[in-house]
Amino acid sequence: MKLKILNSCLILLISSQVLAEPVEFEPANRLLAAAHDAVAVAFSDQDYRADFTAPDPRLKLTACDHPLAADFTHQNQHQAGRLTVAVSCRAPKPWKIYLTGSVTFYRTVWVLTRAMRRGDRLGKSDLSAQRRKVSQADRFYLTADEQPFGQQLTRNLAKDSILTSKVLTAPTLIKRGDPVNIIARSPSFSVRMAGQALADGRAGQLIDVRNQSSGRVVSAVVDGRGVVSVYFNAN
């Protein structure tokens, strides 16, 4: 009977020692920190936010003796979307886990302060520079260091719309039927005469105009509001 009791006590002692020995596993927060560090290096010049899905809590990875390695390659550093980072350990027991997440990019862009209609020209009071989330679909957005003032809208836009280059065009400086000053230019002289526009025109555009004196129709380049130029070679 004494021997049986002694054996039972020995088993309990051994079991308690086994349970008392800590089994070290890699904590989830270190895995996530390694993934975020890798993304921060790749996007060091970007305004972004990355979110990762926490690993399964049932996953038991042996604690790493060395700093965790994280491998991340993102093909398009301007495109929001899914992320995958491989976090690995070399010793004492090698392992690798893939963490998935998403990245969102932010830019300071021009946003409309009011609803505007097609053909409206943009003034400074019509736009506000704001930090906004942008996606691949918004890749034509205009950043705050660009100056779209004076350009015309090609379609109606609601208040708070992000301004993109796809909805802008140079303003119409001359309309069909407008009186214009025709400047005949060459390297050695320039002559100014009165004319009439036969088409609408934007800066740099070639339009037909009629010389009021001779009635001759010539093609001229729109230089400004009400001003067109005809260029002649020196020869």
C-alpha atoms as a PDB file:
ATOM      1  CA  MET A   1       0.000   0.000   0.000  1.00  0.00           C
ATOM      2  CA  LYS A   2       2.847   2.377   0.882  1.00  0.00           C
ATOM      3  CA  LEU A   3       4.547   1.589  -2.425  1.00  0.00           C
ATOM      4  CA  LYS A   4       1.346   2.423  -4.342  1.00  0.00           C
ATOM      5  CA  ILE A   5       1.014   5.756  -2.565  1.00  0.00           C
ATOM      6  CA  LEU A   6       4.679   6.550  -3.203  1.00  0.00           C
ATOM      7  CA  ASN A   7       4.283   5.818  -6.914  1.00  0.00           C
ATOM      8  CA  SER A   8       1.194   8.034  -7.121  1.00  0.00           C
ATOM      9  CA  CYS A   9       3.031  10.906  -5.455  1.00  0.00           C
ATOM     10  CA  LEU A  10       5.951  10.489  -7.845  1.00  0.00           C
ATOM     11  CA  ILE A  11       3.637  10.608 -10.872  1.00  0.00           C
ATOM     12  CA  LEU A  12       1.950  13.759  -9.556  1.00  0.00           C
ATOM     13  CA  LEU A  13       5.334  15.376  -8.930  1.00  0.00           C
ATOM     14  CA  ILE A  14       6.567  14.618 -12.440  1.00  0.00           C
ATOM     15  CA  SER A  15       3.283  15.811 -13.988  1.00  0.00           C
ATOM     16  CA  SER A  16       3.387  19.076 -12.063  1.00  0.00           C
ATOM     17  CA  GLN A  17       6.941  19.687 -13.213  1.00  0.00           C
ATOM     18  CA  VAL A  18       5.972  19.103 -16.849  1.00  0.00           C
ATOM     19  CA  LEU A  19       3.032  21.463 -16.559  1.00  0.00           C
ATOM     20  CA  ALA A  20       5.153  24.053 -14.819  1.00  0.00           C
ATOM     21  CA  GLU A  21       7.711  24.134 -17.638  1.00  0.00           C
ATOM     22  CA  PRO A  22       6.675  26.980 -19.959  1.00  0.00           C
ATOM     23  CA  VAL A  23       6.237  26.083 -23.615  1.00  0.00           C
ATOM     24  CA  GLU A  24       7.287  29.203 -25.547  1.00  0.00           C
ATOM     25  CA  PHE A  25       5.378  30.064 -28.683  1.00  0.00           C
ATOM     26  CA  GLU A  26       5.752  33.043 -30.995  1.00  0.00           C
ATOM     27  CA  PRO A  27       3.107  35.619 -29.996  1.00  0.00           C
ATOM     28  CA  ALA A  28       0.723  36.907 -32.666  1.00  0.00           C
ATOM     29  CA  ASN A  29       1.658  40.537 -32.012  1.00  0.00           C
ATOM     30  CA  ARG A  30       5.270  39.853 -33.032  1.00  0.00           C
ATOM     31  CA  LEU A  31       4.135  38.213 -36.267  1.00  0.00           C
ATOM     32  CA  LEU A  32       1.946  41.187 -37.103  1.00  0.00           C
ATOM     33  CA  ALA A  33       4.674  43.669 -36.148  1.00  0.00           C
ATOM     34  CA  ALA A  34       7.117  41.962 -38.527  1.00  0.00           C
ATOM     35  CA  ALA A  35       4.576  42.146 -41.360  1.00  0.00           C
ATOM     36  CA  HIS A  36       3.900  45.841 -40.713  1.00  0.00           C
ATOM     37  CA  ASP A  37       7.631  46.600 -40.618  1.00  0.00           C
ATOM     38  CA  ALA A  38       8.126  44.979 -44.026  1.00  0.00           C
ATOM     39  CA  VAL A  39       5.274  46.980 -45.530  1.00  0.00           C
ATOM     40  CA  ALA A  40       6.569  50.203 -43.961  1.00  0.00           C
ATOM     41  CA  VAL A  41       9.896  49.737 -45.766  1.00  0.00           C
ATOM     42  CA  ALA A  42       8.195  49.098 -49.118  1.00  0.00           C
ATOM     43  CA  PHE A  43       5.853  52.082 -48.752  1.00  0.00           C
ATOM     44  CA  SER A  44       8.264  54.429 -46.981  1.00  0.00           C
ATOM     45  CA  ASP A  45       7.420  57.312 -49.346  1.00  0.00           C
ATOM     46  CA  GLN A  46       3.661  56.702 -49.346  1.00  0.00           C
ATOM     47  CA  ASP A  47       0.726  57.845 -47.220  1.00  0.00           C
ATOM     48  CA  TYR A  48      -0.984  54.524 -46.537  1.00  0.00           C
ATOM     49  CA  ARG A  49      -2.731  52.258 -44.071  1.00  0.00           C
ATOM     50  CA  ALA A  50      -2.144  48.504 -43.903  1.00  0.00           C
ATOM     51  CA  ASP A  51      -4.394  46.060 -42.043  1.00  0.00           C
ATOM     52  CA  PHE A  52      -3.589  42.386 -41.496  1.00  0.00           C
ATOM     53  CA  THR A  53      -5.772  39.473 -40.454  1.00  0.00           C
ATOM     54  CA  ALA A  54      -4.563  38.078 -37.131  1.00  0.00           C
ATOM     55  CA  PRO A  55      -3.220  34.507 -37.347  1.00  0.00           C
ATOM     56  CA  ASP A  56      -5.343  31.646 -36.060  1.00  0.00           C
ATOM     57  CA  PRO A  57      -4.935  31.576 -32.233  1.00  0.00           C
ATOM     58  CA  ARG A  58      -4.759  27.777 -32.384  1.00  0.00           C
ATOM     59  CA  LEU A  59      -1.535  28.035 -34.380  1.00  0.00           C
ATOM     60  CA  LYS A  60       1.492  27.229 -32.212  1.00  0.00           C
ATOM     61  CA  LEU A  61       4.801  28.359 -33.691  1.00  0.00           C
ATOM     62  CA  THR A  62       7.996  27.809 -31.761  1.00  0.00           C
ATOM     63  CA  ALA A  63       9.404  31.055 -30.371  1.00  0.00           C
ATOM     64  CA  CYS A  64      12.195  32.358 -32.577  1.00  0.00           C
ATOM     65  CA  ASP A  65      15.712  32.863 -31.232  1.00  0.00           C
ATOM     66  CA  HIS A  66      16.470  35.452 -33.923  1.00  0.00           C
ATOM     67  CA  PRO A  67      14.622  38.512 -35.266  1.00  0.00           C
ATOM     68  CA  LEU A  68      11.762  37.449 -37.472  1.00  0.00           C
ATOM     69  CA  ALA A  69      12.259  37.734 -41.238  1.00  0.00           C
ATOM     70  CA  ALA A  70       9.472  39.178 -43.379  1.00  0.00           C
ATOM     71  CA  ASP A  71       9.362  38.970 -47.164  1.00  0.00           C
ATOM     72  CA  PHE A  72       7.031  41.324 -48.985  1.00  0.00           C
ATOM     73  CA  THR A  73       6.893  42.356 -52.648  1.00  0.00           C
ATOM     74  CA  HIS A  74       4.172  44.614 -54.009  1.00  0.00           C
ATOM     75  CA  GLN A  75       4.142  44.969 -57.788  1.00  0.00           C
ATOM     76  CA  ASN A  76       2.377  48.322 -57.903  1.00  0.00           C
ATOM     77  CA  GLN A  77       3.274  50.632 -55.039  1.00  0.00           C
ATOM     78  CA  HIS A  78       0.426  52.987 -55.936  1.00  0.00           C
ATOM     79  CA  GLN A  79      -2.356  50.407 -56.162  1.00  0.00           C
ATOM     80  CA  ALA A  80      -4.549  49.578 -53.198  1.00  0.00           C
ATOM     81  CA  GLY A  81      -5.599  45.994 -52.624  1.00  0.00           C
ATOM     82  CA  ARG A  82      -4.611  42.723 -51.000  1.00  0.00           C
ATOM     83  CA  LEU A  83      -1.277  42.092 -49.299  1.00  0.00           C
ATOM     84  CA  THR A  84       0.587  38.900 -48.478  1.00  0.00           C
ATOM     85  CA  VAL A  85       3.684  38.893 -46.267  1.00  0.00           C
ATOM     86  CA  ALA A  86       5.750  35.781 -45.529  1.00  0.00           C
ATOM     87  CA  VAL A  87       7.016  35.838 -41.934  1.00  0.00           C
ATOM     88  CA  SER A  88       9.633  33.212 -41.085  1.00  0.00           C
ATOM     89  CA  CYS A  89      12.053  31.981 -38.429  1.00  0.00           C
ATOM     90  CA  ARG A  90      15.401  30.171 -38.828  1.00  0.00           C
ATOM     91  CA  ALA A  91      15.998  28.747 -35.347  1.00  0.00           C
ATOM     92  CA  PRO A  92      15.587  26.861 -33.151  1.00  0.00           C
ATOM     93  CA  LYS A  93      12.895  25.273 -35.320  1.00  0.00           C
ATOM     94  CA  PRO A  94      12.432  26.739 -38.818  1.00  0.00           C
ATOM     95  CA  TRP A  95       8.902  27.768 -39.820  1.00  0.00           C
ATOM     96  CA  LYS A  96       7.111  30.162 -42.160  1.00  0.00           C
ATOM     97  CA  ILE A  97       3.648  31.678 -42.095  1.00  0.00           C
ATOM     98  CA  TYR A  98       1.845  33.842 -44.655  1.00  0.00           C
ATOM     99  CA  LEU A  99      -0.123  36.776 -43.298  1.00  0.00           C
ATOM    100  CA  THR A 100      -2.750  38.391 -45.504  1.00  0.00           C
ATOM    101  CA  GLY A 101      -4.132  41.885 -45.353  1.00  0.00           C
ATOM    102  CA  SER A 102      -5.005  44.974 -47.339  1.00  0.00           C
ATOM    103  CA  VAL A 103      -3.464  48.352 -48.064  1.00  0.00           C
ATOM    104  CA  THR A 104      -5.199  51.676 -48.633  1.00  0.00           C
ATOM    105  CA  PHE A 105      -3.477  54.757 -50.027  1.00  0.00           C
ATOM    106  CA  TYR A 106      -4.227  58.383 -49.235  1.00  0.00           C
ATOM    107  CA  ARG A 107      -3.432  61.528 -51.206  1.00  0.00           C
ATOM    108  CA  THR A 108      -4.059  65.237 -50.772  1.00  0.00           C
ATOM    109  CA  VAL A 109      -6.316  65.890 -53.749  1.00  0.00           C
ATOM    110  CA  TRP A 110      -8.640  68.580 -55.073  1.00  0.00           C
ATOM    111  CA  VAL A 111     -12.269  68.182 -53.974  1.00  0.00           C
ATOM    112  CA  LEU A 112     -15.211  70.241 -55.222  1.00  0.00           C
ATOM    113  CA  THR A 113     -16.707  72.574 -52.624  1.00  0.00           C
ATOM    114  CA  ARG A 114     -20.001  72.780 -54.545  1.00  0.00           C
ATOM    115  CA  ALA A 115     -21.925  71.034 -57.295  1.00  0.00           C
ATOM    116  CA  MET A 116     -20.823  72.188 -60.752  1.00  0.00           C
ATOM    117  CA  ARG A 117     -22.141  71.753 -64.277  1.00  0.00           C
ATOM    118  CA  ARG A 118     -20.549  70.829 -67.547  1.00  0.00           C
ATOM    119  CA  GLY A 119     -18.820  73.845 -69.082  1.00  0.00           C
ATOM    120  CA  ASP A 120     -18.241  75.598 -65.739  1.00  0.00           C
ATOM    121  CA  ARG A 121     -14.770  77.007 -65.228  1.00  0.00           C
ATOM    122  CA  LEU A 122     -12.929  76.187 -62.023  1.00  0.00           C
ATOM    123  CA  GLY A 123     -12.082  78.997 -59.636  1.00  0.00           C
ATOM    124  CA  LYS A 124     -10.101  78.859 -56.397  1.00  0.00           C
ATOM    125  CA  SER A 125     -13.265  78.962 -54.284  1.00  0.00           C
ATOM    126  CA  ASP A 126     -14.594  75.883 -56.105  1.00  0.00           C
ATOM    127  CA  LEU A 127     -11.851  73.572 -54.824  1.00  0.00           C
ATOM    128  CA  SER A 128     -10.501  72.430 -51.482  1.00  0.00           C
ATOM    129  CA  ALA A 129      -7.313  70.394 -50.905  1.00  0.00           C
ATOM    130  CA  GLN A 130      -8.222  67.380 -48.755  1.00  0.00           C
ATOM    131  CA  ARG A 131      -6.617  64.092 -47.702  1.00  0.00           C
ATOM    132  CA  ARG A 132      -8.708  61.367 -49.287  1.00  0.00           C
ATOM    133  CA  LYS A 133      -8.552  57.632 -49.809  1.00  0.00           C
ATOM    134  CA  VAL A 134      -7.767  56.874 -53.443  1.00  0.00           C
ATOM    135  CA  SER A 135      -7.988  53.680 -55.469  1.00  0.00           C
ATOM    136  CA  GLN A 136      -6.783  52.406 -58.822  1.00  0.00           C
ATOM    137  CA  ALA A 137     -10.041  53.678 -60.323  1.00  0.00           C
ATOM    138  CA  ASP A 138      -9.079  57.206 -59.195  1.00  0.00           C
ATOM    139  CA  ARG A 139      -5.624  57.140 -60.802  1.00  0.00           C
ATOM    140  CA  PHE A 140      -6.395  60.312 -62.802  1.00  0.00           C
ATOM    141  CA  TYR A 141      -6.913  62.374 -59.628  1.00  0.00           C
ATOM    142  CA  LEU A 142      -5.222  65.771 -59.382  1.00  0.00           C
ATOM    143  CA  THR A 143      -2.985  66.351 -56.366  1.00  0.00           C
ATOM    144  CA  ALA A 144      -2.858  69.638 -54.513  1.00  0.00           C
ATOM    145  CA  ASP A 145       0.407  70.663 -56.195  1.00  0.00           C
ATOM    146  CA  GLU A 146      -1.345  70.752 -59.586  1.00  0.00           C
ATOM    147  CA  GLN A 147      -3.201  73.874 -60.692  1.00  0.00           C
ATOM    148  CA  PRO A 148      -6.493  73.157 -62.501  1.00  0.00           C
ATOM    149  CA  PHE A 149      -7.893  76.650 -62.033  1.00  0.00           C
ATOM    150  CA  GLY A 150      -9.437  78.159 -65.143  1.00  0.00           C
ATOM    151  CA  GLN A 151     -10.129  74.817 -66.817  1.00  0.00           C
ATOM    152  CA  GLN A 152     -13.621  73.691 -67.783  1.00  0.00           C
ATOM    153  CA  LEU A 153     -15.591  70.650 -66.697  1.00  0.00           C
ATOM    154  CA  THR A 154     -16.636  68.146 -69.348  1.00  0.00           C
ATOM    155  CA  ARG A 155     -19.522  66.795 -67.242  1.00  0.00           C
ATOM    156  CA  ASN A 156     -21.631  67.573 -64.196  1.00  0.00           C
ATOM    157  CA  LEU A 157     -20.016  66.867 -60.808  1.00  0.00           C
ATOM    158  CA  ALA A 158     -21.525  66.657 -57.332  1.00  0.00           C
ATOM    159  CA  LYS A 159     -20.198  68.455 -54.289  1.00  0.00           C
ATOM    160  CA  ASP A 160     -17.264  66.618 -52.612  1.00  0.00           C
ATOM    161  CA  SER A 161     -16.275  64.861 -55.868  1.00  0.00           C
ATOM    162  CA  ILE A 162     -12.558  64.189 -56.290  1.00  0.00           C
ATOM    163  CA  LEU A 163     -11.335  66.131 -59.303  1.00  0.00           C
ATOM    164  CA  THR A 164      -9.654  64.077 -62.043  1.00  0.00           C
ATOM    165  CA  SER A 165      -7.987  65.019 -65.312  1.00  0.00           C
ATOM    166  CA  LYS A 166     -10.604  62.977 -67.197  1.00  0.00           C
ATOM    167  CA  VAL A 167     -13.302  65.580 -66.501  1.00  0.00           C
ATOM    168  CA  LEU A 168     -11.239  68.645 -67.440  1.00  0.00           C
ATOM    169  CA  THR A 169     -10.560  70.444 -70.675  1.00  0.00           C
ATOM    170  CA  ALA A 170      -8.913  73.698 -71.623  1.00  0.00           C
ATOM    171  CA  PRO A 171     -11.407  76.594 -71.602  1.00  0.00           C
ATOM    172  CA  THR A 172     -12.999  77.784 -74.836  1.00  0.00           C
ATOM    173  CA  LEU A 173     -11.332  81.126 -75.501  1.00  0.00           C
ATOM    174  CA  ILE A 174     -13.083  81.884 -78.785  1.00  0.00           C
ATOM    175  CA  LYS A 175     -16.575  80.987 -79.900  1.00  0.00           C
ATOM    176  CA  ARG A 176     -17.906  80.708 -83.428  1.00  0.00           C
ATOM    177  CA  GLY A 177     -18.914  84.139 -84.704  1.00  0.00           C
ATOM    178  CA  ASP A 178     -16.722  86.054 -82.233  1.00  0.00           C
ATOM    179  CA  PRO A 179     -14.704  88.997 -83.558  1.00  0.00           C
ATOM    180  CA  VAL A 180     -10.991  88.220 -83.387  1.00  0.00           C
ATOM    181  CA  ASN A 181      -7.686  89.948 -83.911  1.00  0.00           C
ATOM    182  CA  ILE A 182      -5.693  88.067 -86.554  1.00  0.00           C
ATOM    183  CA  ILE A 183      -1.942  88.483 -86.174  1.00  0.00           C
ATOM    184  CA  ALA A 184       0.126  87.471 -89.192  1.00  0.00           C
ATOM    185  CA  ARG A 185       3.563  86.559 -87.867  1.00  0.00           C
ATOM    186  CA  SER A 186       6.950  85.844 -89.399  1.00  0.00           C
ATOM    187  CA  PRO A 187      10.496  86.116 -88.011  1.00  0.00           C
ATOM    188  CA  SER A 188      10.800  89.596 -89.524  1.00  0.00           C
ATOM    189  CA  PHE A 189       7.353  91.206 -89.110  1.00  0.00           C
ATOM    190  CA  SER A 190       3.851  90.944 -87.670  1.00  0.00           C
ATOM    191  CA  VAL A 191       0.638  92.456 -88.996  1.00  0.00           C
ATOM    192  CA  ARG A 192      -2.638  92.736 -87.091  1.00  0.00           C
ATOM    193  CA  MET A 193      -6.049  92.704 -88.790  1.00  0.00           C
ATOM    194  CA  ALA A 194      -9.699  92.237 -87.870  1.00  0.00           C
ATOM    195  CA  GLY A 195     -11.434  88.914 -88.433  1.00  0.00           C
ATOM    196  CA  GLN A 196     -14.258  86.626 -87.400  1.00  0.00           C
ATOM    197  CA  ALA A 197     -14.033  83.137 -85.897  1.00  0.00           C
ATOM    198  CA  LEU A 198     -15.710  80.371 -87.888  1.00  0.00           C
ATOM    199  CA  ALA A 199     -15.405  77.798 -85.087  1.00  0.00           C
ATOM    200  CA  ASP A 200     -14.944  77.500 -81.342  1.00  0.00           C
ATOM    201  CA  GLY A 201     -11.328  77.388 -80.211  1.00  0.00           C
ATOM    202  CA  ARG A 202      -9.176  76.596 -77.168  1.00  0.00           C
ATOM    203  CA  ALA A 203      -5.608  77.700 -76.477  1.00  0.00           C
ATOM    204  CA  GLY A 204      -3.239  76.239 -79.062  1.00  0.00           C
ATOM    205  CA  GLN A 205      -6.049  74.927 -81.245  1.00  0.00           C
ATOM    206  CA  LEU A 206      -6.145  75.536 -85.001  1.00  0.00           C
ATOM    207  CA  ILE A 207      -9.417  77.105 -86.228  1.00  0.00           C
ATOM    208  CA  ASP A 208     -10.666  78.810 -89.387  1.00  0.00           C
ATOM    209  CA  VAL A 209     -11.121  82.585 -89.308  1.00  0.00           C
ATOM    210  CA  ARG A 210     -12.265  85.046 -91.953  1.00  0.00           C
ATOM    211  CA  ASN A 211     -10.320  88.215 -92.702  1.00  0.00           C
ATOM    212  CA  GLN A 212     -12.920  90.995 -92.483  1.00  0.00           C
ATOM    213  CA  SER A 213     -11.178  93.143 -95.107  1.00  0.00           C
ATOM    214  CA  SER A 214     -10.467  90.580 -97.827  1.00  0.00           C
ATOM    215  CA  GLY A 215     -13.044  87.932 -96.946  1.00  0.00           C
ATOM    216  CA  ARG A 216     -10.309  85.307 -97.180  1.00  0.00           C
ATOM    217  CA  VAL A 217     -10.574  82.296 -94.861  1.00  0.00           C
ATOM    218  CA  VAL A 218      -7.352  81.171 -93.201  1.00  0.00           C
ATOM    219  CA  SER A 219      -6.406  78.711 -90.480  1.00  0.00           C
ATOM    220  CA  ALA A 220      -5.016  80.316 -87.343  1.00  0.00           C
ATOM    221  CA  VAL A 221      -3.788  79.217 -83.915  1.00  0.00           C
ATOM    222  CA  VAL A 222      -5.725  80.412 -80.856  1.00  0.00           C
ATOM    223  CA  ASP A 223      -3.328  82.463 -78.720  1.00  0.00           C
ATOM    224  CA  GLY A 224      -5.748  83.888 -76.210  1.00  0.00           C
ATOM    225  CA  ARG A 225      -9.222  85.255 -75.763  1.00  0.00           C
ATOM    226  CA  GLY A 226     -10.109  86.919 -79.053  1.00  0.00           C
ATOM    227  CA  VAL A 227      -6.581  86.579 -80.489  1.00  0.00           C
ATOM    228  CA  VAL A 228      -5.349  84.185 -83.194  1.00  0.00           C
ATOM    229  CA  SER A 229      -2.074  83.957 -85.098  1.00  0.00           C
ATOM    230  CA  VAL A 230      -1.140  82.963 -88.632  1.00  0.00           C
ATOM    231  CA  TYR A 231       2.495  81.962 -88.991  1.00  0.00           C
ATOM    232  CA  PHE A 232       4.590  82.462 -92.143  1.00  0.00           C
ATOM    233  CA  ASN A 233       7.982  80.972 -92.921  1.00  0.00           C
ATOM    234  CA  ALA A 234      10.947  83.235 -93.378  1.00  0.00           C
ATOM    235  CA  ASN A 235      11.338  81.956 -96.949  1.00  0.00           C
END
